[in-house]
C-alpha cells in the first residue's frame, strides 16, 4: 500500500505554487499525497499549529490574511516553531525570493532542521527542494513502532495478524527488528 503524506504549502503566488506543486508530485510520486494550499499567513499558522501535517513548505513573504498586503512572516513562523512543539512535527522547507527574510531567520530555522531555499536562484531552489523531497521518498515509513526489550516480548507479535517483522539489526547497542 502507498504511504499517505499530508503536505501544507503556504504560497500566495499561483505560478510559484504550481512550480512547487509539480516538483512535490514528481518527487513523491510513489506516495499518496494530500496537499493543502494556504495563501495567507494566518490560515497557515492555524493549520500548522494543529499538528496534522508531515511536510510544511512555506513562502516567508505572504499576506497576513486573505486579500491583505504581503508581510514578512518570518518572525511569526519562527515564533510558532519555537513555542509550539506540535508545529515541529512536520518537516519544514522555507522558500523565499527575499534574501533579508531568509537571513533574519537562519539561526532559528537551522536550530530546528528547517531547509532554507532562495527562490532568486531558479535551478538551486529546485534542486534543493528535489533533494529534500527525494530523501523523504526514500525513507522507511511505519504506521507505528513497538519497542520490546526482550526477545520473548518480540516473539509475542510474530503470529499476530498483519504484523511484519523486519530483519534483526543493532542500533545504538539495541537489538532491533
Protein backbone atom coordinates (compact mmCIF):
# COMPACT_ATOMS: atom_id res chain seq x y z
CA UNK A 1 0.00 0.00 0.00
CA UNK A 2 1.18 3.55 -0.69
CA UNK A 3 2.26 5.75 2.16
CA UNK A 4 -0.01 8.79 2.59
CA UNK A 5 1.71 12.12 3.13
CA UNK A 6 -0.08 15.29 4.25
CA UNK A 7 1.57 18.42 2.91
CA UNK A 8 0.81 22.07 3.65
CA UNK A 9 2.08 24.65 1.16
CA UNK A 10 1.97 28.34 2.12
CA UNK A 11 2.27 30.26 -1.14
CA UNK A 12 0.22 33.18 -2.41
CA UNK A 13 1.62 33.40 -5.95
CA UNK A 14 -0.10 30.96 -8.34
CA UNK A 15 2.92 30.50 -10.63
CA UNK A 16 5.29 29.75 -7.76
CA UNK A 17 2.73 27.41 -6.17
CA UNK A 18 2.36 25.48 -9.43
CA UNK A 19 6.16 25.09 -9.69
CA UNK A 20 6.41 23.80 -6.11
CA UNK A 21 3.37 21.54 -6.53
CA UNK A 22 4.81 19.98 -9.70
CA UNK A 23 8.16 19.24 -8.00
CA UNK A 24 6.38 17.74 -4.97
CA UNK A 25 4.20 15.47 -7.12
CA UNK A 26 7.13 14.35 -9.29
CA UNK A 27 9.48 13.71 -6.35
CA UNK A 28 6.93 11.94 -4.15
CA UNK A 29 5.08 10.08 -6.89
CA UNK A 30 5.26 6.75 -5.02
CA UNK A 31 3.21 8.22 -2.19
CA UNK A 32 -0.43 9.12 -1.87
CA UNK A 33 -0.38 12.90 -1.43
CA UNK A 34 -2.86 15.09 0.40
CA UNK A 35 -1.77 18.64 -0.47
CA UNK A 36 -3.38 21.66 1.16
CA UNK A 37 -2.62 25.19 -0.02
CA UNK A 38 -2.81 28.31 2.12
CA UNK A 39 -2.37 31.73 0.55
CA UNK A 40 -2.12 33.74 3.77
CA UNK A 41 -0.09 33.53 6.97
CA UNK A 42 -3.00 33.38 9.43
CA UNK A 43 -4.57 30.32 7.76
CA UNK A 44 -1.23 28.51 7.62
CA UNK A 45 -0.45 29.27 11.27
CA UNK A 46 -3.78 27.75 12.35
CA UNK A 47 -3.23 24.64 10.23
CA UNK A 48 0.42 24.07 11.21
CA UNK A 49 -0.49 24.59 14.87
CA UNK A 50 -2.98 21.73 14.51
CA UNK A 51 -0.12 19.30 14.02
CA UNK A 52 -1.59 17.08 11.30
CA UNK A 53 0.97 17.62 8.51
CA UNK A 54 4.08 15.65 7.52
CA UNK A 55 5.64 18.41 5.42
CA UNK A 56 5.30 22.21 5.51
CA UNK A 57 6.61 24.23 2.56
CA UNK A 58 6.36 27.96 3.20
CA UNK A 59 6.99 31.23 1.44
CA UNK A 60 8.07 33.79 4.03
CA UNK A 61 6.51 36.88 2.42
CA UNK A 62 2.75 36.39 2.02
CA UNK A 63 -0.44 38.27 3.00
CA UNK A 64 -1.25 38.21 6.71
CA UNK A 65 -4.90 37.46 5.95
CA UNK A 66 -6.89 36.63 2.80
CA UNK A 67 -6.78 39.56 0.38
CA UNK A 68 -4.33 41.50 2.54
CA UNK A 69 -0.98 43.05 1.66
CA UNK A 70 2.18 40.95 1.78
CA UNK A 71 4.08 40.92 5.07
CA UNK A 72 7.30 39.27 6.15
CA UNK A 73 6.01 36.32 8.19
CA UNK A 74 9.46 35.15 9.26
CA UNK A 75 9.12 36.26 12.89
CA UNK A 76 5.68 34.70 13.27
CA UNK A 77 6.75 31.40 11.71
CA UNK A 78 9.87 31.28 13.89
CA UNK A 79 7.74 32.05 16.95
CA UNK A 80 5.33 29.17 16.31
CA UNK A 81 8.26 26.88 15.57
CA UNK A 82 9.91 27.84 18.87
CA UNK A 83 6.76 27.86 21.04
CA UNK A 84 4.58 25.04 19.70
CA UNK A 85 6.06 21.53 19.85
CA UNK A 86 3.30 20.27 17.55
CA UNK A 87 4.49 22.75 14.88
CA UNK A 88 7.85 20.96 14.86
CA UNK A 89 6.33 17.63 13.83
CA UNK A 90 6.32 18.20 10.08
CA UNK A 91 9.50 18.69 8.12
CA UNK A 92 9.81 22.36 7.18
CA UNK A 93 11.10 23.86 3.94
CA UNK A 94 11.07 27.64 3.52
CA UNK A 95 11.43 29.21 0.09
CA UNK A 96 11.67 32.96 -0.45
CA UNK A 97 12.97 35.39 -3.03
CA UNK A 98 13.56 37.99 -0.32
CA UNK A 99 17.09 37.46 0.97
CA UNK A 100 16.57 39.69 4.01
CA UNK A 101 13.68 37.47 5.17
CA UNK A 102 15.86 34.38 4.81
CA UNK A 103 18.88 35.81 6.60
CA UNK A 104 16.82 37.01 9.56
CA UNK A 105 15.67 33.50 10.44
CA UNK A 106 18.61 31.28 9.63
CA UNK A 107 19.59 30.61 13.24
CA UNK A 108 16.08 29.72 14.42
CA UNK A 109 15.37 27.65 11.33
CA UNK A 110 18.74 25.88 11.48
CA UNK A 111 18.15 25.00 15.14
CA UNK A 112 15.03 23.07 14.09
CA UNK A 113 16.45 21.49 10.92
CA UNK A 114 14.45 23.66 8.54
CA UNK A 115 15.64 23.61 4.94
CA UNK A 116 16.07 27.16 3.60
CA UNK A 117 15.91 27.75 -0.17
CA UNK A 118 16.43 31.04 -2.03
CA UNK A 119 13.88 31.40 -4.84
CA UNK A 120 16.03 34.03 -6.62
CA UNK A 121 18.31 31.26 -7.87
CA UNK A 122 15.99 29.24 -10.12
CA UNK A 123 17.89 25.99 -10.51
CA UNK A 124 19.32 25.97 -6.99
CA UNK A 125 15.98 26.12 -5.18
CA UNK A 126 14.50 23.49 -7.49
CA UNK A 127 17.43 21.11 -6.95
CA UNK A 128 17.39 21.79 -3.19
CA UNK A 129 13.67 21.01 -2.97
CA UNK A 130 14.07 17.86 -5.07
CA UNK A 131 16.92 16.64 -2.86
CA UNK A 132 14.86 17.22 0.30
CA UNK A 133 11.80 15.50 -1.17
CA UNK A 134 13.82 12.57 -2.53
CA UNK A 135 15.24 11.99 0.95
CA UNK A 136 11.68 11.82 2.26
CA UNK A 137 10.59 9.48 -0.54
CA UNK A 138 13.50 7.13 0.20
CA UNK A 139 12.82 6.97 3.92
CA UNK A 140 11.14 3.97 5.51
CA UNK A 141 7.64 4.78 6.74
CA UNK A 142 5.84 2.98 9.54
CA UNK A 143 2.27 3.18 10.77
CA UNK A 144 3.64 2.64 14.28
CA UNK A 145 6.55 1.01 16.07
CA UNK A 146 6.59 -1.28 19.09
CA UNK A 147 9.61 -1.29 21.40
CA UNK A 148 10.37 -4.50 23.28
CA UNK A 149 13.42 -5.00 25.43
CA UNK A 150 13.41 -8.78 25.37
CA UNK A 151 13.27 -11.27 22.50
CA UNK A 152 10.40 -13.02 24.31
CA UNK A 153 8.40 -9.80 24.10
CA UNK A 154 9.04 -9.54 20.34
CA UNK A 155 8.06 -13.18 19.90
CA UNK A 156 4.54 -12.33 21.09
CA UNK A 157 4.00 -10.36 17.88
CA UNK A 158 5.31 -12.96 15.42
CA UNK A 159 1.93 -14.64 14.99
CA UNK A 160 -0.23 -11.53 15.13
CA UNK A 161 -2.30 -10.95 12.01
CA UNK A 162 -0.87 -8.30 9.68
CA UNK A 163 2.35 -7.81 11.65
CA UNK A 164 5.55 -7.80 9.62
CA UNK A 165 8.85 -8.05 11.48
CA UNK A 166 11.92 -6.84 9.65
CA UNK A 167 15.42 -8.26 9.82
CA UNK A 168 17.25 -8.22 13.15
CA UNK A 169 19.85 -5.44 13.38
CA UNK A 170 21.72 -3.46 16.02
CA UNK A 171 21.21 0.27 16.52
CA UNK A 172 22.99 2.11 19.31
CA UNK A 173 23.60 -1.12 21.16
CA UNK A 174 19.94 -2.18 20.99
CA UNK A 175 18.78 -5.29 19.16
CA UNK A 176 16.10 -4.13 16.73
CA UNK A 177 13.72 -5.96 14.45
